[in-house]
Amino acid sequence: MGLIVLYLRGVDYAHETLTLGLFGGYAAGDNRYTLLGLSAWLAVIMFVNVWAFIWPNQKIALGIVEADADAKAKAARTAMLFSRTNLLLSIPMLTGMTMTQTLFG
């Protein structure tokens, strides 16, 4: 959804953001694209983290997918570690996304 909102703001704006301000060559005012772009890429990493690592392991740990007790324990620990990683990534992601507007208007 965030990428859709980013592209609704304008294709050039989205390209500048996703390339960290390097799309049309780096200029003096491109700092906001760099900060917002880093935050956007953190959000993409978190999205992939959920769907590639957390959710498959959660299905095993919750018994939605058949597995033995050892596999469930390992899957639960893996899901927990990746969930913690997402929590730690969410702090700089949210800070960067909110501070872009505050710092650069």
N, C-alpha and C. Protein backbone atom coordinates (compact mmCIF):
# COMPACT_ATOMS: atom_id res chain seq x y z
N MET A 1 0.82 -1.18 0.00
CA MET A 1 0.00 0.00 0.00
C MET A 1 0.87 1.25 0.00
N GLY A 2 1.96 1.21 0.73
CA GLY A 2 2.85 2.36 0.78
C GLY A 2 3.45 2.69 -0.58
N LEU A 3 3.79 1.68 -1.35
CA LEU A 3 4.33 1.92 -2.69
C LEU A 3 3.27 2.52 -3.61
N ILE A 4 2.02 2.11 -3.45
CA ILE A 4 0.94 2.69 -4.24
C ILE A 4 0.78 4.17 -3.90
N VAL A 5 0.78 4.48 -2.62
CA VAL A 5 0.68 5.88 -2.20
C VAL A 5 1.87 6.68 -2.72
N LEU A 6 3.03 6.09 -2.70
CA LEU A 6 4.23 6.75 -3.20
C LEU A 6 4.09 7.07 -4.69
N TYR A 7 3.57 6.13 -5.47
CA TYR A 7 3.40 6.37 -6.90
C TYR A 7 2.23 7.31 -7.20
N LEU A 8 1.23 7.36 -6.31
CA LEU A 8 0.14 8.31 -6.49
C LEU A 8 0.64 9.75 -6.30
N ARG A 9 1.69 9.91 -5.55
CA ARG A 9 2.30 11.23 -5.37
C ARG A 9 2.97 11.71 -6.65
N GLY A 10 3.31 10.79 -7.50
CA GLY A 10 3.93 11.12 -8.79
C GLY A 10 5.01 10.11 -9.11
N VAL A 11 5.12 9.77 -10.37
CA VAL A 11 6.10 8.77 -10.79
C VAL A 11 7.52 9.26 -10.55
N ASP A 12 7.78 10.51 -10.89
CA ASP A 12 9.13 11.06 -10.67
C ASP A 12 9.47 11.11 -9.18
N TYR A 13 8.49 11.46 -8.37
CA TYR A 13 8.69 11.50 -6.92
C TYR A 13 9.02 10.09 -6.40
N ALA A 14 8.27 9.10 -6.88
CA ALA A 14 8.50 7.72 -6.46
C ALA A 14 9.88 7.24 -6.90
N HIS A 15 10.27 7.56 -8.13
CA HIS A 15 11.58 7.14 -8.62
C HIS A 15 12.70 7.82 -7.84
N GLU A 16 12.55 9.11 -7.56
CA GLU A 16 13.55 9.82 -6.75
C GLU A 16 13.67 9.18 -5.36
N THR A 17 12.52 8.84 -4.78
CA THR A 17 12.53 8.26 -3.43
C THR A 17 13.17 6.88 -3.43
N LEU A 18 12.77 6.03 -4.35
CA LEU A 18 13.27 4.65 -4.35
C LEU A 18 14.73 4.55 -4.78
N THR A 19 15.25 5.57 -5.46
CA THR A 19 16.67 5.58 -5.81
C THR A 19 17.48 6.46 -4.86
N LEU A 20 16.86 6.83 -3.74
CA LEU A 20 17.50 7.62 -2.67
C LEU A 20 17.97 8.98 -3.17
N GLY A 21 17.23 9.55 -4.10
CA GLY A 21 17.54 10.88 -4.60
C GLY A 21 18.52 10.90 -5.75
N LEU A 22 18.86 9.76 -6.31
CA LEU A 22 19.85 9.70 -7.38
C LEU A 22 19.24 9.52 -8.76
N PHE A 23 17.91 9.57 -8.87
CA PHE A 23 17.25 9.30 -10.15
C PHE A 23 17.62 10.33 -11.22
N GLY A 24 17.52 11.59 -10.90
CA GLY A 24 17.82 12.61 -11.88
C GLY A 24 19.16 13.27 -11.62
N GLY A 25 20.06 12.59 -10.96
CA GLY A 25 21.32 13.19 -10.55
C GLY A 25 21.13 13.83 -9.18
N TYR A 26 22.13 13.75 -8.36
CA TYR A 26 22.00 14.25 -6.99
C TYR A 26 22.09 15.77 -6.97
N ALA A 27 21.14 16.42 -6.34
CA ALA A 27 21.12 17.88 -6.21
C ALA A 27 21.07 18.24 -4.72
N ALA A 28 21.18 19.49 -4.42
CA ALA A 28 21.26 19.95 -3.02
C ALA A 28 20.01 19.60 -2.22
N GLY A 29 18.82 19.62 -2.81
CA GLY A 29 17.58 19.38 -2.07
C GLY A 29 17.14 17.94 -2.03
N ASP A 30 17.98 17.02 -2.42
CA ASP A 30 17.59 15.61 -2.48
C ASP A 30 17.73 14.87 -1.16
N ASN A 31 18.05 15.56 -0.09
CA ASN A 31 18.18 14.90 1.22
C ASN A 31 16.87 14.25 1.64
N ARG A 32 15.76 14.91 1.35
CA ARG A 32 14.48 14.35 1.77
C ARG A 32 14.19 13.04 1.04
N TYR A 33 14.61 12.95 -0.21
CA TYR A 33 14.40 11.69 -0.94
C TYR A 33 15.27 10.58 -0.35
N THR A 34 16.46 10.93 0.09
CA THR A 34 17.34 9.92 0.67
C THR A 34 16.75 9.37 1.97
N LEU A 35 16.30 10.25 2.85
CA LEU A 35 15.72 9.80 4.13
C LEU A 35 14.44 9.01 3.90
N LEU A 36 13.56 9.52 3.05
CA LEU A 36 12.32 8.81 2.79
C LEU A 36 12.57 7.50 2.05
N GLY A 37 13.55 7.50 1.15
CA GLY A 37 13.89 6.28 0.42
C GLY A 37 14.43 5.19 1.33
N LEU A 38 15.28 5.57 2.26
CA LEU A 38 15.78 4.59 3.23
C LEU A 38 14.63 4.00 4.04
N SER A 39 13.70 4.84 4.43
CA SER A 39 12.54 4.37 5.18
C SER A 39 11.66 3.45 4.32
N ALA A 40 11.49 3.81 3.06
CA ALA A 40 10.68 2.97 2.17
C ALA A 40 11.34 1.61 1.97
N TRP A 41 12.65 1.59 1.80
CA TRP A 41 13.33 0.31 1.62
C TRP A 41 13.29 -0.53 2.89
N LEU A 42 13.34 0.11 4.06
CA LEU A 42 13.18 -0.63 5.31
C LEU A 42 11.78 -1.26 5.37
N ALA A 43 10.77 -0.53 4.91
CA ALA A 43 9.41 -1.07 4.88
C ALA A 43 9.31 -2.26 3.93
N VAL A 44 9.97 -2.18 2.79
CA VAL A 44 9.96 -3.31 1.84
C VAL A 44 10.66 -4.52 2.46
N ILE A 45 11.78 -4.29 3.12
CA ILE A 45 12.49 -5.39 3.80
C ILE A 45 11.59 -6.02 4.86
N MET A 46 10.87 -5.19 5.61
CA MET A 46 9.98 -5.72 6.64
C MET A 46 8.84 -6.53 6.01
N PHE A 47 8.31 -6.07 4.89
CA PHE A 47 7.25 -6.80 4.19
C PHE A 47 7.74 -8.18 3.76
N VAL A 48 8.90 -8.22 3.14
CA VAL A 48 9.47 -9.50 2.70
C VAL A 48 9.76 -10.39 3.90
N ASN A 49 10.24 -9.79 4.97
CA ASN A 49 10.53 -10.53 6.19
C ASN A 49 9.28 -11.24 6.72
N VAL A 50 8.15 -10.55 6.70
CA VAL A 50 6.91 -11.16 7.19
C VAL A 50 6.48 -12.32 6.31
N TRP A 51 6.44 -12.09 5.00
CA TRP A 51 5.87 -13.10 4.12
C TRP A 51 6.83 -14.23 3.77
N ALA A 52 8.13 -14.01 3.88
CA ALA A 52 9.08 -15.07 3.54
C ALA A 52 9.57 -15.85 4.75
N PHE A 53 9.57 -15.22 5.92
CA PHE A 53 10.15 -15.88 7.09
C PHE A 53 9.17 -16.04 8.25
N ILE A 54 8.52 -14.96 8.64
CA ILE A 54 7.68 -15.02 9.84
C ILE A 54 6.45 -15.88 9.61
N TRP A 55 5.66 -15.58 8.57
CA TRP A 55 4.42 -16.30 8.37
C TRP A 55 4.61 -17.79 8.11
N PRO A 56 5.54 -18.23 7.27
CA PRO A 56 5.72 -19.69 7.11
C PRO A 56 6.10 -20.38 8.42
N ASN A 57 6.95 -19.75 9.22
CA ASN A 57 7.34 -20.36 10.49
C ASN A 57 6.21 -20.30 11.51
N GLN A 58 5.39 -19.26 11.47
CA GLN A 58 4.24 -19.18 12.37
C GLN A 58 3.24 -20.29 12.06
N LYS A 59 3.05 -20.58 10.78
CA LYS A 59 2.13 -21.65 10.41
C LYS A 59 2.60 -22.99 10.99
N ILE A 60 3.89 -23.22 10.98
CA ILE A 60 4.43 -24.46 11.55
C ILE A 60 4.28 -24.46 13.06
N ALA A 61 4.63 -23.34 13.69
CA ALA A 61 4.57 -23.25 15.15
C ALA A 61 3.14 -23.37 15.68
N LEU A 62 2.17 -22.84 14.94
CA LEU A 62 0.77 -22.89 15.38
C LEU A 62 0.07 -24.18 15.02
N GLY A 63 0.73 -25.05 14.25
CA GLY A 63 0.14 -26.33 13.90
C GLY A 63 -0.74 -26.28 12.67
N ILE A 64 -0.72 -25.17 11.94
CA ILE A 64 -1.49 -25.09 10.70
C ILE A 64 -0.87 -26.02 9.66
N VAL A 65 0.46 -26.12 9.69
CA VAL A 65 1.20 -27.05 8.85
C VAL A 65 1.71 -28.17 9.75
N GLU A 66 1.54 -29.39 9.32
CA GLU A 66 1.96 -30.54 10.12
C GLU A 66 3.48 -30.57 10.30
N ALA A 67 3.92 -30.77 11.54
CA ALA A 67 5.35 -30.88 11.85
C ALA A 67 5.49 -31.55 13.21
N ASP A 68 6.69 -32.10 13.45
CA ASP A 68 6.94 -32.71 14.76
C ASP A 68 7.26 -31.62 15.79
N ALA A 69 7.42 -32.01 17.04
CA ALA A 69 7.62 -31.06 18.13
C ALA A 69 8.92 -30.27 17.98
N ASP A 70 9.98 -30.92 17.52
CA ASP A 70 11.26 -30.21 17.34
C ASP A 70 11.15 -29.15 16.25
N ALA A 71 10.49 -29.48 15.17
CA ALA A 71 10.32 -28.52 14.07
C ALA A 71 9.45 -27.35 14.52
N LYS A 72 8.43 -27.62 15.35
CA LYS A 72 7.59 -26.55 15.86
C LYS A 72 8.38 -25.61 16.75
N ALA A 73 9.22 -26.17 17.60
CA ALA A 73 10.03 -25.34 18.50
C ALA A 73 11.02 -24.48 17.71
N LYS A 74 11.66 -25.09 16.71
CA LYS A 74 12.60 -24.34 15.89
C LYS A 74 11.89 -23.25 15.10
N ALA A 75 10.72 -23.57 14.55
CA ALA A 75 9.95 -22.59 13.78
C ALA A 75 9.48 -21.44 14.67
N ALA A 76 9.08 -21.75 15.89
CA ALA A 76 8.64 -20.70 16.81
C ALA A 76 9.78 -19.75 17.13
N ARG A 77 10.96 -20.30 17.37
CA ARG A 77 12.11 -19.45 17.67
C ARG A 77 12.50 -18.59 16.46
N THR A 78 12.48 -19.20 15.28
CA THR A 78 12.81 -18.44 14.07
C THR A 78 11.81 -17.31 13.85
N ALA A 79 10.53 -17.60 14.00
CA ALA A 79 9.50 -16.57 13.83
C ALA A 79 9.68 -15.46 14.85
N MET A 80 10.03 -15.81 16.07
CA MET A 80 10.24 -14.82 17.12
C MET A 80 11.42 -13.92 16.80
N LEU A 81 12.51 -14.49 16.33
CA LEU A 81 13.69 -13.69 16.02
C LEU A 81 13.44 -12.74 14.85
N PHE A 82 12.76 -13.22 13.82
CA PHE A 82 12.45 -12.35 12.69
C PHE A 82 11.42 -11.29 13.07
N SER A 83 10.50 -11.63 13.98
CA SER A 83 9.54 -10.63 14.46
C SER A 83 10.25 -9.54 15.24
N ARG A 84 11.22 -9.90 16.03
CA ARG A 84 12.02 -8.90 16.76
C ARG A 84 12.79 -8.02 15.79
N THR A 85 13.30 -8.63 14.74
CA THR A 85 14.00 -7.85 13.73
C THR A 85 13.06 -6.83 13.11
N ASN A 86 11.83 -7.23 12.80
CA ASN A 86 10.86 -6.29 12.26
C ASN A 86 10.54 -5.17 13.25
N LEU A 87 10.45 -5.51 14.52
CA LEU A 87 10.21 -4.48 15.53
C LEU A 87 11.34 -3.46 15.54
N LEU A 88 12.57 -3.94 15.51
CA LEU A 88 13.71 -3.04 15.54
C LEU A 88 13.83 -2.22 14.25
N LEU A 89 13.43 -2.78 13.13
CA LEU A 89 13.45 -2.02 11.87
C LEU A 89 12.32 -1.01 11.80
N SER A 90 11.22 -1.26 12.52
CA SER A 90 10.08 -0.35 12.45
C SER A 90 10.38 1.00 13.08
N ILE A 91 11.26 1.04 14.06
CA ILE A 91 11.57 2.30 14.73
C ILE A 91 12.25 3.28 13.78
N PRO A 92 13.37 2.92 13.11
CA PRO A 92 13.96 3.88 12.18
C PRO A 92 13.08 4.12 10.95
N MET A 93 12.29 3.12 10.55
CA MET A 93 11.41 3.31 9.40
C MET A 93 10.36 4.37 9.70
N LEU A 94 9.68 4.26 10.81
CA LEU A 94 8.65 5.24 11.16
C LEU A 94 9.26 6.61 11.44
N THR A 95 10.40 6.63 12.08
CA THR A 95 11.06 7.91 12.36
C THR A 95 11.44 8.60 11.06
N GLY A 96 12.02 7.88 10.13
CA GLY A 96 12.41 8.47 8.86
C GLY A 96 11.23 8.96 8.05
N MET A 97 10.14 8.19 8.06
CA MET A 97 8.98 8.60 7.29
C MET A 97 8.30 9.83 7.88
N THR A 98 8.25 9.93 9.19
CA THR A 98 7.61 11.10 9.80
C THR A 98 8.54 12.31 9.82
N MET A 99 9.82 12.08 10.00
CA MET A 99 10.74 13.22 10.08
C MET A 99 11.07 13.82 8.72
N THR A 100 10.80 13.10 7.65
CA THR A 100 11.02 13.66 6.32
C THR A 100 10.17 14.91 6.14
N GLN A 101 8.91 14.81 6.50
CA GLN A 101 8.01 15.96 6.38
C GLN A 101 8.40 17.06 7.36
N THR A 102 8.81 16.69 8.57
CA THR A 102 9.16 17.67 9.57
C THR A 102 10.44 18.41 9.21
N LEU A 103 11.44 17.68 8.76
CA LEU A 103 12.73 18.30 8.49
C LEU A 103 12.79 19.04 7.16
N PHE A 104 12.15 18.46 6.15
CA PHE A 104 12.29 19.00 4.80
C PHE A 104 11.02 19.61 4.23
N GLY A 105 9.92 19.58 4.99
CA GLY A 105 8.67 20.22 4.57
C GLY A 105 8.13 19.62 3.39
